[in-house]
Amino acid sequence: MSASTVPSVLFVCVHNAGRSQMAAAFLTHLAGDAVEVRSAGSVPADSVNPAVVEAMREAGIDISAEVPKVLTAEAVQASDVVITMGCGDTCPVFPGKRYLDWPLPDPAGQDTAAVRPIRDAIHARVLALLADLGVPPLS
């Protein structure tokens, strides 16, 4: 683990406009201050996918103010767990980090109905991650 007393998780996808934003929002919502959460993209989009924003709103989480962020080596170095979702080899690898890959469909260009099952799969994976980290969900 990092020098802090809480685990740090970085979610990475290509555009940081869909999957990684949903995962970060769910982890933040479910863990509160018990986990440090980051998200980034190897080629960030200009904005978060509107269908993703709507799907998360349906789940009771508002991510409308989120902005895609660029993936940096510093973000990876500062994280204990790095979870990739389609960024492939663009994610830098550092010794001592735990890497997971969550193969999930890309919500880019999809409507809200198509995003819902992706959202639900991410929610389930985040709950499993919390259990693995030994952090009980807040809600």
Protein backbone atom coordinates (compact mmCIF):
# COMPACT_ATOMS: atom_id res chain seq x y z
CA MET A 1 0.00 0.00 0.00
CA SER A 2 0.98 3.62 -0.37
CA ALA A 3 2.36 5.70 2.47
CA SER A 4 -1.17 6.84 3.31
CA THR A 5 -3.36 4.71 5.54
CA VAL A 6 -5.97 4.14 2.86
CA PRO A 7 -5.61 2.22 -0.40
CA SER A 8 -5.40 4.22 -3.61
CA VAL A 9 -7.10 3.07 -6.83
CA LEU A 10 -6.65 4.45 -10.34
CA PHE A 11 -9.17 3.59 -13.07
CA VAL A 12 -7.90 3.99 -16.63
CA CYS A 13 -9.67 3.81 -19.98
CA VAL A 14 -8.92 5.42 -23.32
CA HIS A 15 -11.10 8.53 -23.15
CA ASN A 16 -11.85 8.78 -19.40
CA ALA A 17 -15.38 9.60 -20.49
CA GLY A 18 -17.25 6.42 -19.63
CA ARG A 19 -16.05 3.25 -17.92
CA SER A 20 -13.35 4.79 -15.73
CA GLN A 21 -15.63 7.67 -14.76
CA MET A 22 -18.40 5.25 -13.71
CA ALA A 23 -15.95 3.07 -11.75
CA ALA A 24 -14.43 6.05 -9.95
CA ALA A 25 -17.86 7.43 -9.11
CA PHE A 26 -19.10 4.11 -7.74
CA LEU A 27 -15.95 3.59 -5.67
CA THR A 28 -16.11 7.13 -4.28
CA HIS A 29 -19.82 6.70 -3.50
CA LEU A 30 -19.38 3.30 -1.85
CA ALA A 31 -16.07 3.84 -0.03
CA GLY A 32 -16.13 7.51 0.93
CA ASP A 33 -12.80 8.49 2.46
CA ALA A 34 -11.75 4.84 3.00
CA VAL A 35 -10.23 4.68 -0.50
CA GLU A 36 -8.38 7.33 -2.51
CA VAL A 37 -9.89 7.30 -6.02
CA ARG A 38 -8.47 8.54 -9.33
CA SER A 39 -9.45 8.13 -12.96
CA ALA A 40 -7.70 9.05 -16.18
CA GLY A 41 -7.53 8.34 -19.89
CA SER A 42 -4.70 7.70 -22.31
CA VAL A 43 -6.43 9.99 -24.85
CA PRO A 44 -9.01 11.95 -22.82
CA ALA A 45 -12.20 13.14 -24.46
CA ASP A 46 -13.47 16.70 -24.20
CA SER A 47 -16.34 15.71 -21.90
CA VAL A 48 -17.95 12.78 -20.15
CA ASN A 49 -20.33 10.77 -22.34
CA PRO A 50 -23.89 12.15 -21.78
CA ALA A 51 -25.39 8.63 -21.81
CA VAL A 52 -22.97 7.68 -19.03
CA VAL A 53 -23.96 10.77 -17.03
CA GLU A 54 -27.64 9.81 -17.42
CA ALA A 55 -27.07 6.15 -16.53
CA MET A 56 -25.21 7.17 -13.38
CA ARG A 57 -27.92 9.70 -12.52
CA GLU A 58 -30.39 6.80 -12.66
CA ALA A 59 -28.18 5.01 -10.11
CA GLY A 60 -28.33 8.07 -7.84
CA ILE A 61 -24.83 9.41 -8.60
CA ASP A 62 -24.28 12.77 -10.31
CA ILE A 63 -21.10 12.87 -12.43
CA SER A 64 -22.21 15.78 -14.62
CA ALA A 65 -19.42 18.01 -13.27
CA GLU A 66 -16.65 15.48 -13.96
CA VAL A 67 -14.03 16.25 -16.61
CA PRO A 68 -11.86 13.67 -18.42
CA LYS A 69 -8.25 13.75 -17.20
CA VAL A 70 -5.03 12.72 -18.91
CA LEU A 71 -3.18 9.67 -17.65
CA THR A 72 0.16 10.58 -16.07
CA ALA A 73 3.00 8.46 -14.74
CA GLU A 74 2.58 10.33 -11.45
CA ALA A 75 -1.03 9.15 -11.09
CA VAL A 76 0.08 5.56 -11.63
CA GLN A 77 2.99 5.90 -9.19
CA ALA A 78 0.65 7.34 -6.54
CA SER A 79 -1.79 4.42 -6.80
CA ASP A 80 -1.70 1.01 -5.13
CA VAL A 81 -4.12 -0.58 -7.58
CA VAL A 82 -4.37 0.34 -11.28
CA ILE A 83 -7.45 -0.94 -13.09
CA THR A 84 -7.39 -0.72 -16.86
CA MET A 85 -10.46 -0.87 -19.07
CA GLY A 86 -9.31 -0.94 -22.66
CA CYS A 87 -6.24 1.30 -22.55
CA GLY A 88 -3.97 -1.57 -23.56
CA ASP A 89 -0.23 -0.94 -23.53
CA THR A 90 -0.56 2.84 -23.05
CA CYS A 91 -0.77 2.45 -19.28
CA PRO A 92 2.69 2.74 -17.70
CA VAL A 93 3.77 -0.20 -15.55
CA PHE A 94 5.65 0.34 -12.29
CA PRO A 95 6.99 -2.36 -9.97
CA GLY A 96 5.04 -2.89 -6.78
CA LYS A 97 1.71 -1.83 -8.21
CA ARG A 98 -1.22 -4.19 -8.52
CA TYR A 99 -2.70 -4.20 -12.03
CA LEU A 100 -6.14 -5.49 -12.94
CA ASP A 101 -7.83 -5.43 -16.32
CA TRP A 102 -11.60 -5.21 -16.51
CA PRO A 103 -12.63 -6.11 -20.06
CA LEU A 104 -15.86 -4.15 -20.46
CA PRO A 105 -17.63 -2.83 -23.55
CA ASP A 106 -16.91 0.78 -24.46
CA PRO A 107 -19.99 2.99 -23.94
CA ALA A 108 -18.78 5.50 -26.55
CA GLY A 109 -21.51 6.20 -29.08
CA GLN A 110 -24.07 4.16 -27.12
CA ASP A 111 -27.41 5.33 -25.78
CA THR A 112 -28.40 5.14 -22.11
CA ALA A 113 -30.13 1.77 -22.54
CA ALA A 114 -26.88 0.27 -23.85
CA VAL A 115 -24.85 1.88 -21.07
CA ARG A 116 -26.98 0.45 -18.23
CA PRO A 117 -25.59 -3.11 -18.40
CA ILE A 118 -22.02 -1.72 -18.54
CA ARG A 119 -22.80 0.46 -15.51
CA ASP A 120 -24.23 -2.52 -13.63
CA ALA A 121 -21.19 -4.69 -14.45
CA ILE A 122 -18.89 -1.94 -13.19
CA HIS A 123 -20.94 -1.60 -10.01
CA ALA A 124 -20.58 -5.34 -9.33
CA ARG A 125 -16.83 -5.21 -9.98
CA VAL A 126 -16.41 -2.22 -7.66
CA LEU A 127 -18.26 -4.07 -4.89
CA ALA A 128 -15.92 -7.05 -5.38
CA LEU A 129 -12.92 -4.70 -5.33
CA LEU A 130 -14.09 -3.22 -2.03
CA ALA A 131 -14.36 -6.71 -0.54
CA ASP A 132 -10.88 -7.52 -1.83
CA LEU A 133 -9.51 -4.32 -0.26
CA GLY A 134 -11.28 -5.12 3.01
CA VAL A 135 -13.34 -1.94 2.85
CA PRO A 136 -17.03 -2.29 3.75
CA PRO A 137 -19.38 -0.37 1.40
CA LEU A 138 -21.13 2.66 2.88
CA SER A 139 -24.39 1.94 1.09
